[in-house]
Amino acid sequence: MKIGEVSRLSGVSTRSLRHYEKIGLIQAERESNGYRSYDHSVIERAIVIQMLFGMDFPRDLVGAVLACTGDAPPEAHDALYAQLPLVHADLSARIETLTRTRERIEVFLAAKGRAVA
């Protein structure tokens, strides 16, 4: 299938799909006319990649997660497990920052006589 169809079915922009291909996260066959041709499995993979990048996972971690799909060898899982404590710590720190920011906004709004819904 062509890149436009993958984009339409996955909700991932063609620009992002080209980028994912460039960095080796998805693959496409090249037709004789130079057009990309994707397998149907790329749709779900592109959705997962976009979700992981949307959660600010670094590229190497996205690759490690993707490597754990299908019939992945145990070494692929080991690489992912080695990185997850760092991701967990980063997420925890970000949650703390967001919680403090939300609390400050609530205090500010309360001082102005406005309640948060």
Protein backbone atom coordinates (compact mmCIF):
# COMPACT_ATOMS: atom_id res chain seq x y z
CA MET A 1 0.00 0.00 0.00
CA LYS A 2 1.12 3.57 -0.62
CA ILE A 3 2.26 6.01 2.04
CA GLY A 4 -0.94 8.07 1.80
CA GLU A 5 -3.07 5.05 2.62
CA VAL A 6 -0.86 4.11 5.57
CA SER A 7 -1.16 7.69 6.77
CA ARG A 8 -4.95 7.69 6.42
CA LEU A 9 -5.40 4.33 8.16
CA SER A 10 -2.92 4.99 10.97
CA GLY A 11 -3.47 8.70 11.55
CA VAL A 12 0.29 9.22 11.27
CA SER A 13 1.41 11.95 8.87
CA THR A 14 3.31 11.04 5.73
CA ARG A 15 6.15 13.23 6.98
CA SER A 16 6.38 11.17 10.18
CA LEU A 17 6.21 7.92 8.22
CA ARG A 18 9.12 9.05 6.04
CA HIS A 19 11.05 9.98 9.19
CA TYR A 20 10.33 6.61 10.83
CA GLU A 21 11.61 4.92 7.70
CA LYS A 22 14.71 7.11 7.59
CA ILE A 23 15.65 6.19 11.17
CA GLY A 24 14.95 2.51 10.59
CA LEU A 25 11.78 2.03 12.63
CA ILE A 26 9.66 0.98 9.64
CA GLN A 27 10.57 -0.39 6.25
CA ALA A 28 9.11 0.13 2.80
CA GLU A 29 9.81 -1.53 -0.49
CA ARG A 30 10.59 0.76 -3.41
CA GLU A 31 8.63 0.19 -6.57
CA SER A 32 10.21 0.70 -10.00
CA ASN A 33 8.69 4.20 -10.13
CA GLY A 34 10.35 5.10 -6.79
CA TYR A 35 7.13 5.05 -4.76
CA ARG A 36 7.17 3.48 -1.33
CA SER A 37 5.09 0.35 -0.84
CA TYR A 38 4.22 -0.67 2.71
CA ASP A 39 3.00 -3.92 4.21
CA HIS A 40 -0.27 -3.75 6.19
CA SER A 41 1.66 -4.48 9.42
CA VAL A 42 3.20 -1.00 9.17
CA ILE A 43 -0.12 0.57 10.14
CA GLU A 44 -0.12 -0.78 13.70
CA ARG A 45 3.64 -0.31 14.03
CA ALA A 46 3.34 3.37 13.00
CA ILE A 47 0.57 3.90 15.56
CA VAL A 48 2.73 2.40 18.32
CA ILE A 49 5.77 4.44 17.28
CA GLN A 50 3.77 7.67 17.31
CA MET A 51 2.30 6.82 20.72
CA LEU A 52 5.76 6.13 22.18
CA PHE A 53 7.24 9.31 20.74
CA GLY A 54 4.18 11.16 22.04
CA MET A 55 5.11 9.94 25.51
CA ASP A 56 8.60 11.37 24.91
CA PHE A 57 10.30 7.99 24.73
CA PRO A 58 13.76 8.40 23.15
CA ARG A 59 14.40 6.79 19.78
CA ASP A 60 16.57 3.99 21.19
CA LEU A 61 13.84 3.03 23.64
CA VAL A 62 11.22 3.07 20.89
CA GLY A 63 13.47 0.72 18.94
CA ALA A 64 13.87 -1.51 22.00
CA VAL A 65 10.10 -1.68 22.52
CA LEU A 66 9.56 -2.54 18.87
CA ALA A 67 12.26 -5.19 19.05
CA CYS A 68 10.23 -6.95 21.75
CA THR A 69 7.27 -7.55 19.46
CA GLY A 70 6.63 -10.79 17.64
CA ASP A 71 9.16 -13.57 18.10
CA ALA A 72 11.79 -11.43 19.74
CA PRO A 73 14.76 -13.15 21.36
CA PRO A 74 15.26 -12.80 25.14
CA GLU A 75 18.18 -10.41 24.52
CA ALA A 76 15.75 -7.90 23.03
CA HIS A 77 13.72 -7.95 26.22
CA ASP A 78 16.88 -7.56 28.30
CA ALA A 79 17.79 -4.38 26.41
CA LEU A 80 14.34 -2.95 27.09
CA TYR A 81 14.36 -3.92 30.76
CA ALA A 82 17.74 -2.21 31.19
CA GLN A 83 16.30 1.09 29.96
CA LEU A 84 12.95 1.07 31.73
CA PRO A 85 14.20 2.18 35.19
CA LEU A 86 15.56 5.36 33.59
CA VAL A 87 12.27 6.01 31.81
CA HIS A 88 10.38 5.35 35.05
CA ALA A 89 12.55 7.83 36.95
CA ASP A 90 12.10 10.45 34.23
CA LEU A 91 8.33 9.99 34.20
CA SER A 92 8.19 10.24 37.99
CA ALA A 93 10.12 13.51 37.94
CA ARG A 94 7.86 14.91 35.23
CA ILE A 95 4.74 13.89 37.16
CA GLU A 96 6.06 15.69 40.26
CA THR A 97 6.73 18.83 38.22
CA LEU A 98 3.28 18.75 36.64
CA THR A 99 1.63 18.16 40.01
CA ARG A 100 3.43 21.15 41.55
CA THR A 101 2.48 23.30 38.56
CA ARG A 102 -1.17 22.26 38.81
CA GLU A 103 -1.19 23.04 42.55
CA ARG A 104 0.28 26.50 41.92
CA ILE A 105 -2.41 27.20 39.33
CA GLU A 106 -5.11 26.07 41.77
CA VAL A 107 -3.72 28.38 44.47
CA PHE A 108 -3.55 31.28 42.02
CA LEU A 109 -7.10 30.72 40.81
CA ALA A 110 -8.42 30.34 44.36
CA ALA A 111 -6.77 33.63 45.33
CA LYS A 112 -8.60 35.28 42.43
CA GLY A 113 -11.89 33.73 43.55
CA ARG A 114 -12.07 31.27 40.68
CA ALA A 115 -12.55 27.60 41.29
CA VAL A 116 -11.11 24.89 39.12
CA ALA A 117 -13.73 22.65 37.58
